[in-house]
Amino acid sequence: MNRYLIYIFILTINTLYSQEQDTVVNKIDIRKNLQEVIITGQISPKLKENAVQKIKVIGSKELSSGVFINLADVLSKEINIRINQDNILGSGVSLQGISGQNVKILIDEIPVIGRLDGNIDLSQINLTNIERIEIVEGPLSVDYGTDALAGTINIITKKEYLDPSIINFNSYYETVGRYNNNLLFTKSFNNISSSYELARNYFSGWSEGEKFSFLPQSELADTNRFKTWKPKEQIFNKIQISSKEKKYNARAYFEHFYEKITNRGFPRSPYFETAFDDFYYTYRTNFGTDLDYKLLKSDFKILLAYNHYKRVKNTYFNDLTTLNTNLLADASSQDTSVFQNLISRVVMSSYYNDNLHYHVGIDMQKESANGERLKNNFQQQSDYALFSNIEYLINKKIMLKPGLRLIYNTQYVAPIIPSFNILYDLDFFKIRSSYARGFRAPTLKELFLDFVDINHNIIGNSELLAEESNNYRLNLDYFLNREDYRFVFDITVFYNEINNKIDLLSTMNNTSQYTYFNISEYKTKGISSNIKLSNSNIIMNVGFSSIGRYNNILDQSSNSQEYFDAVSTNDFIYSQEVNASTFINLKSDLALNVFYKYTGSTPYFSMDNNDNLVDNTNDSYHSLDALINKDFTKYGMQLSLGVKNLFNVTSISRVVSNSSVHSSTSNSLNVGYGRSFFATIKINL
């Protein structure tokens, strides 16, 4: 299968290179339009303000500020989004109070695979060569199928370069022991653009009270070898080639990712001469092609991709006196899991007239997994879908957008997925309202994984039901454009209800063992607002949100899941967020950037040793980052100096039941590695 895919990629690109050359478009106009146009969930690319759905865009100005090193850093500053950290599993995201598997992560509309505990590790998504990030809150299941219940995060990469050749070098240093370097090479001729990205991120690990060190140093094999934040090395490689012709746009890419996490164990008592060390290796290999073809009043888009994810865990017994290591013979201490996803997507968009646009698409995905911890060592499922959206302009002020998705899943009977959006445009007011249904089939991990080691005890549940959801949203945007400034205000209210939500709970016969159960009902509702004021020298942004969560959880006192009685939290439990950011041009070549966020106390639930539902909360905290950017245009260089976590928050208080997924009784949750200083240098050759 892989060989045939490669043949198709090569044939696609070779065909497009033979096309007639197009005229050169003004460079400034292209760059201006790219900042204004969105594509996620759209029938055709359009201005953000004209989209029927409310879409949040994180543009190149924010991404290139110098303070962000991966996707987790970027999203952690956004309102309605929360980042959770696991020092082994990495960082995950919560959107509208819904987390894990229900948040769809896309790169150029291709799903990112390789979830751990339901989350994509956002630290594995590099920001090199990212053009913008588009975020749609609420289900986009009509467009992107399963997993898109809470929202969709689409990462748009750069695909064409206007300069004949570019060489960019970026280097990042942070006092907690981060050393990141990346290179970007591009070459453009005629209408063909090619690029190669190479990046290495290294983190030496960090624990409370650790002393500052400018360069990595060797350490003694004593109790200091154990790190709260684990050492991590990442290497990114990506090669891409694209062609833009009069009627054709095409691209092919290949990328490979490698990660190593080192979890050095605490020396064992009584003599502290030995320790168990874990090493986690992650490998991602992705290659694909996309083709846009224009014919009369129709556009055809073809996406074809193959994603391969491999995670390896090895445990060693380490003699700290001789530094000899031996791989443990215990099979439960070693693991290799492999996940593969084959995706093909064909969409035809047509313009019947100026008032009626529509598209029809076919979406096919085949997922397979193999590993010792999967039942029967191998599992697979496929998903086939037909979907369509229509945009109908009733008059100059009202636009309707109904959508429908029909699904055939090899594991589950999927429901019909409808959506309906309406935009009411009153010049400087825009009112958006929507209803969308969502569907999520349980993953192969949730169904068949047996993950048991010293830190985890998670058992798959092959009897899980599929999740279904309903989402309702109402949004108001107000725009005030003046010659010397621009003011934007928006407010959104939303309501989500998810039936048969899948979550981890302790089993009836073993409270230290966790498995996946269907929560009978889960709801979130909330309100969020944002104010943005900008002129030629200042961009100020302030946001607020309040989200309520409601659980109706299965009582585990019964002997059979079929006859569980519902235990309810009875009411919505609310948490708040506030964020603010400021970009100030102090001079033409000097800028100040400040990012602030207040994360309110977060409710969560657990089961105590008597199988009773317990309401718990994670404490609130504040975060503040600041930096100064200096451009040395004459030398093609930019320097950034800044501080992260100015309030020095490392952990927050939490209430924990007697047992947990990670078998921990800690009453604190790690959220940061303390105040740190950083420097970034960017060189354009």
Foldseek 3Di string as FASTA:
>chain_A
DVVVQVVVQVVVVVVQVPDDFDDDDDPVVVVVVLQQWDDVLDLDIDGQVPDLANKDKFFPVNLVQQPDWWPLVVQCQDPQKHWAQDLPQAIWIGHLNRTALLEFEEEVLHTDDDHDQRGDRRRQGGSPQWGMKMKGAAAPCLPNNASRGGIYIYTYGDAADDDQKWWKWKWKDWQQAKTKIKIKIWGDDRFKIKMKIKMKIWGQAFAPPDDTDRHDDDDALAQVVAGPRWTKMKIKIKIKMWGDHPFKTKMKMKIKMKMKTKGWAGQDDDVSFKTKIKIKMKMKIKIWMWMWGDDDQKIKIKIWMKIKIKMWMWMWIAGSVVRDIDTDPPPLRIKMKMKMKTKIKMKMWGDPDPFKIKMKMKIKMKMKMAMPQFVVRIDIKIKIKIKMWMWGHPDPFKIKIKMWMDMDIPLDHDDIWIKIKMWGDDPQKIKIKMKTKHKHDDDSCQATGQRDDLFFGEGHNVPADIKMKMKIKIKMWGWDDDPFKIKIKMKMKMKMKMAQDWDWAAALVGRQHIHIGGFGMKMKIKMKMKIWMDGPFKIKIKMKMKMWIWGFGFQNPDPDSVPTDTDIPPDTDMWMKMKMWMWGPPDPFKIKIKIKMKGAKAWDWYAAPVSDIDIKIWHIDMWMKMKMWGDPVVQQKIKIKIKTRPVFDFKTFMQDHCHDRRRDRDRIGGDDNTMMIMMMMMHMD
